[in-house]
N, C-alpha and C. Protein backbone atom coordinates (compact mmCIF):
# COMPACT_ATOMS: atom_id res chain seq x y z
N MET A 1 -8.66 0.60 -37.21
CA MET A 1 -9.72 0.92 -36.27
C MET A 1 -9.17 0.91 -34.84
N GLY A 2 -9.44 1.98 -34.07
CA GLY A 2 -8.92 2.09 -32.71
C GLY A 2 -9.76 1.31 -31.71
N THR A 3 -9.14 1.00 -30.60
CA THR A 3 -9.84 0.29 -29.54
C THR A 3 -10.40 1.31 -28.56
N THR A 4 -11.68 1.19 -28.26
CA THR A 4 -12.31 2.07 -27.29
C THR A 4 -12.86 1.24 -26.15
N ALA A 5 -13.19 1.90 -25.06
CA ALA A 5 -13.77 1.18 -23.91
C ALA A 5 -15.06 0.49 -24.33
N ALA A 6 -15.84 1.14 -25.18
CA ALA A 6 -17.11 0.55 -25.62
C ALA A 6 -16.86 -0.72 -26.45
N SER A 7 -15.85 -0.67 -27.33
CA SER A 7 -15.59 -1.85 -28.15
C SER A 7 -15.04 -3.00 -27.32
N VAL A 8 -14.22 -2.68 -26.31
CA VAL A 8 -13.70 -3.72 -25.42
C VAL A 8 -14.84 -4.33 -24.62
N SER A 9 -15.73 -3.47 -24.07
CA SER A 9 -16.87 -3.98 -23.30
C SER A 9 -17.77 -4.85 -24.16
N ALA A 10 -18.01 -4.41 -25.40
CA ALA A 10 -18.86 -5.19 -26.30
C ALA A 10 -18.22 -6.53 -26.61
N ALA A 11 -16.92 -6.52 -26.85
CA ALA A 11 -16.21 -7.75 -27.18
C ALA A 11 -16.20 -8.73 -26.01
N LEU A 12 -16.13 -8.21 -24.81
CA LEU A 12 -16.08 -9.05 -23.62
C LEU A 12 -17.46 -9.30 -23.03
N SER A 13 -18.48 -8.72 -23.63
CA SER A 13 -19.86 -8.82 -23.13
C SER A 13 -19.99 -8.31 -21.70
N VAL A 14 -19.31 -7.23 -21.40
CA VAL A 14 -19.39 -6.61 -20.08
C VAL A 14 -20.43 -5.51 -20.15
N PRO A 15 -21.51 -5.63 -19.39
CA PRO A 15 -22.53 -4.59 -19.44
C PRO A 15 -22.04 -3.32 -18.77
N SER A 16 -22.49 -2.20 -19.25
CA SER A 16 -22.12 -0.93 -18.64
C SER A 16 -23.03 -0.66 -17.45
N ALA A 17 -22.59 0.24 -16.58
CA ALA A 17 -23.42 0.62 -15.43
C ALA A 17 -24.73 1.21 -15.91
N ARG A 18 -24.68 1.97 -16.98
CA ARG A 18 -25.90 2.59 -17.51
C ARG A 18 -26.88 1.53 -18.00
N SER A 19 -26.39 0.50 -18.73
CA SER A 19 -27.29 -0.53 -19.24
C SER A 19 -27.87 -1.39 -18.13
N MET A 20 -27.19 -1.44 -16.99
CA MET A 20 -27.69 -2.20 -15.86
C MET A 20 -28.53 -1.33 -14.92
N ASN A 21 -28.73 -0.08 -15.29
CA ASN A 21 -29.49 0.88 -14.48
C ASN A 21 -28.87 1.11 -13.10
N LEU A 22 -27.54 1.07 -13.04
CA LEU A 22 -26.85 1.37 -11.80
C LEU A 22 -26.54 2.86 -11.75
N PRO A 23 -26.51 3.45 -10.56
CA PRO A 23 -26.20 4.87 -10.48
C PRO A 23 -24.75 5.14 -10.87
N SER A 24 -24.54 6.23 -11.49
CA SER A 24 -23.18 6.66 -11.83
C SER A 24 -22.75 7.68 -10.78
N ALA A 25 -21.59 7.47 -10.19
CA ALA A 25 -21.11 8.37 -9.15
C ALA A 25 -21.00 9.80 -9.64
N THR A 26 -20.66 9.96 -10.91
CA THR A 26 -20.48 11.31 -11.42
C THR A 26 -21.78 11.93 -11.89
N ARG A 27 -22.79 11.14 -12.20
CA ARG A 27 -24.05 11.67 -12.70
C ARG A 27 -25.10 11.87 -11.63
N GLU A 28 -25.23 10.91 -10.72
CA GLU A 28 -26.41 10.89 -9.86
C GLU A 28 -26.14 11.12 -8.38
N VAL A 29 -24.92 10.97 -7.92
CA VAL A 29 -24.63 11.14 -6.50
C VAL A 29 -23.86 12.44 -6.33
N PRO A 30 -24.44 13.41 -5.62
CA PRO A 30 -23.74 14.68 -5.42
C PRO A 30 -22.42 14.46 -4.67
N TYR A 31 -21.44 15.28 -4.96
CA TYR A 31 -20.12 15.16 -4.36
C TYR A 31 -20.20 15.20 -2.84
N ASN A 32 -21.04 16.05 -2.30
CA ASN A 32 -21.06 16.23 -0.85
C ASN A 32 -22.11 15.38 -0.15
N SER A 33 -22.68 14.39 -0.83
CA SER A 33 -23.69 13.57 -0.18
C SER A 33 -23.03 12.61 0.80
N PRO A 34 -23.63 12.42 1.96
CA PRO A 34 -23.05 11.49 2.93
C PRO A 34 -23.29 10.04 2.49
N VAL A 35 -22.35 9.19 2.83
CA VAL A 35 -22.49 7.77 2.54
C VAL A 35 -23.08 7.14 3.79
N SER A 36 -24.18 6.43 3.65
CA SER A 36 -24.86 5.91 4.83
C SER A 36 -24.29 4.58 5.30
N LEU A 37 -23.79 3.75 4.40
CA LEU A 37 -23.25 2.45 4.77
C LEU A 37 -21.89 2.24 4.14
N PRO A 38 -20.96 1.63 4.88
CA PRO A 38 -19.66 1.33 4.26
C PRO A 38 -19.82 0.25 3.19
N LEU A 39 -18.97 0.30 2.19
CA LEU A 39 -18.99 -0.71 1.15
C LEU A 39 -18.42 -2.03 1.65
N TRP A 40 -17.50 -1.95 2.61
CA TRP A 40 -16.83 -3.13 3.12
C TRP A 40 -16.36 -2.85 4.54
N THR A 41 -16.44 -3.84 5.39
CA THR A 41 -15.94 -3.74 6.76
C THR A 41 -15.08 -4.96 7.04
N PRO A 42 -13.86 -4.75 7.53
CA PRO A 42 -12.99 -5.90 7.79
C PRO A 42 -13.51 -6.72 8.97
N SER A 43 -13.17 -7.99 8.96
CA SER A 43 -13.55 -8.87 10.06
C SER A 43 -12.71 -8.52 11.30
N PRO A 44 -13.18 -8.90 12.47
CA PRO A 44 -12.37 -8.67 13.68
C PRO A 44 -10.98 -9.31 13.59
N ALA A 45 -10.88 -10.48 12.97
CA ALA A 45 -9.58 -11.13 12.82
C ALA A 45 -8.66 -10.31 11.92
N ARG A 46 -9.22 -9.76 10.86
CA ARG A 46 -8.42 -8.94 9.96
C ARG A 46 -7.94 -7.67 10.65
N ILE A 47 -8.81 -7.05 11.43
CA ILE A 47 -8.44 -5.85 12.18
C ILE A 47 -7.33 -6.18 13.16
N ALA A 48 -7.47 -7.30 13.88
CA ALA A 48 -6.47 -7.70 14.87
C ALA A 48 -5.10 -7.95 14.23
N GLY A 49 -5.10 -8.44 13.00
CA GLY A 49 -3.84 -8.75 12.33
C GLY A 49 -3.27 -7.62 11.49
N ALA A 50 -3.93 -6.48 11.47
CA ALA A 50 -3.49 -5.37 10.62
C ALA A 50 -2.27 -4.66 11.21
N ARG A 51 -1.43 -4.16 10.34
CA ARG A 51 -0.24 -3.43 10.78
C ARG A 51 -0.60 -2.19 11.59
N ILE A 52 -1.66 -1.50 11.19
CA ILE A 52 -2.02 -0.28 11.92
C ILE A 52 -2.48 -0.61 13.34
N THR A 53 -3.10 -1.78 13.52
CA THR A 53 -3.49 -2.21 14.86
C THR A 53 -2.25 -2.47 15.71
N ALA A 54 -1.26 -3.12 15.13
CA ALA A 54 0.00 -3.35 15.85
C ALA A 54 0.67 -2.03 16.20
N PHE A 55 0.65 -1.09 15.27
CA PHE A 55 1.24 0.23 15.52
C PHE A 55 0.52 0.93 16.67
N ILE A 56 -0.80 0.88 16.68
CA ILE A 56 -1.58 1.49 17.76
C ILE A 56 -1.21 0.85 19.10
N ARG A 57 -1.13 -0.48 19.13
CA ARG A 57 -0.79 -1.17 20.38
C ARG A 57 0.61 -0.79 20.87
N GLU A 58 1.57 -0.63 19.94
CA GLU A 58 2.93 -0.20 20.32
C GLU A 58 2.90 1.20 20.93
N LEU A 59 2.14 2.10 20.33
CA LEU A 59 2.02 3.45 20.89
C LEU A 59 1.38 3.42 22.26
N GLU A 60 0.33 2.62 22.41
CA GLU A 60 -0.35 2.52 23.70
C GLU A 60 0.62 2.06 24.79
N ALA A 61 1.43 1.06 24.48
CA ALA A 61 2.37 0.52 25.46
C ALA A 61 3.49 1.51 25.76
N ALA A 62 4.00 2.15 24.74
CA ALA A 62 5.14 3.06 24.91
C ALA A 62 4.76 4.35 25.63
N HIS A 63 3.52 4.78 25.48
CA HIS A 63 3.12 6.09 26.02
C HIS A 63 1.97 6.01 27.02
N ASP A 64 1.66 4.80 27.49
CA ASP A 64 0.59 4.59 28.46
C ASP A 64 -0.70 5.28 28.01
N LEU A 65 -1.16 4.88 26.82
CA LEU A 65 -2.34 5.49 26.21
C LEU A 65 -3.45 4.47 26.01
N ASP A 66 -4.63 4.98 25.73
CA ASP A 66 -5.75 4.17 25.27
C ASP A 66 -6.18 4.76 23.94
N LEU A 67 -5.87 4.07 22.85
CA LEU A 67 -6.24 4.51 21.51
C LEU A 67 -7.21 3.49 20.93
N PRO A 68 -8.51 3.66 21.20
CA PRO A 68 -9.48 2.63 20.82
C PRO A 68 -9.79 2.55 19.33
N ASP A 69 -9.43 3.58 18.56
CA ASP A 69 -9.79 3.57 17.14
C ASP A 69 -8.88 4.51 16.36
N TYR A 70 -9.11 4.54 15.06
CA TYR A 70 -8.29 5.38 14.18
C TYR A 70 -8.42 6.85 14.53
N ALA A 71 -9.62 7.30 14.91
CA ALA A 71 -9.81 8.70 15.28
C ALA A 71 -8.92 9.08 16.46
N ALA A 72 -8.77 8.19 17.43
CA ALA A 72 -7.90 8.45 18.57
C ALA A 72 -6.43 8.50 18.14
N LEU A 73 -6.04 7.62 17.22
CA LEU A 73 -4.68 7.66 16.68
C LEU A 73 -4.43 8.97 15.96
N TYR A 74 -5.38 9.38 15.16
CA TYR A 74 -5.26 10.65 14.44
C TYR A 74 -5.11 11.81 15.42
N GLN A 75 -5.93 11.83 16.47
CA GLN A 75 -5.84 12.92 17.45
C GLN A 75 -4.49 12.90 18.16
N PHE A 76 -3.99 11.70 18.48
CA PHE A 76 -2.67 11.59 19.09
C PHE A 76 -1.60 12.19 18.17
N SER A 77 -1.71 11.93 16.88
CA SER A 77 -0.72 12.46 15.93
C SER A 77 -0.75 13.98 15.88
N ILE A 78 -1.90 14.57 16.15
CA ILE A 78 -2.02 16.04 16.18
C ILE A 78 -1.53 16.59 17.51
N ASP A 79 -1.92 15.93 18.60
CA ASP A 79 -1.57 16.42 19.94
C ASP A 79 -0.09 16.22 20.27
N ARG A 80 0.49 15.14 19.76
CA ARG A 80 1.88 14.80 20.10
C ARG A 80 2.64 14.37 18.85
N PRO A 81 2.84 15.32 17.93
CA PRO A 81 3.46 14.95 16.64
C PRO A 81 4.87 14.37 16.79
N ALA A 82 5.65 14.85 17.73
CA ALA A 82 7.01 14.32 17.87
C ALA A 82 6.97 12.85 18.26
N ASP A 83 6.12 12.50 19.22
CA ASP A 83 5.99 11.10 19.63
C ASP A 83 5.45 10.24 18.51
N PHE A 84 4.48 10.77 17.79
CA PHE A 84 3.89 10.03 16.68
C PHE A 84 4.94 9.73 15.61
N TRP A 85 5.64 10.76 15.14
CA TRP A 85 6.59 10.57 14.05
C TRP A 85 7.82 9.77 14.49
N ARG A 86 8.18 9.85 15.75
CA ARG A 86 9.28 9.03 16.24
C ARG A 86 8.89 7.56 16.16
N ALA A 87 7.64 7.26 16.44
CA ALA A 87 7.16 5.87 16.39
C ALA A 87 7.02 5.35 14.97
N VAL A 88 6.70 6.24 14.05
CA VAL A 88 6.55 5.83 12.65
C VAL A 88 7.89 5.36 12.15
């Protein structure tokens, strides 16, 4: 007898999303629907300690920039690809 996801779930008593009446991403949420709330947001301490934050601060210092968020970093990478990739 082969092992299936259903048999493993039954053996471990793990309820399925369907049995718990939870929405299925593939069944009930359209691909292009906007997400209204993030699933998770890092704490300010976690953001401050992140490598990408350190990278942004290094770019700001090296190029006299103000990069307040990821969108600004992304735009910098488009506007000044040589500087961006040199820093990477």
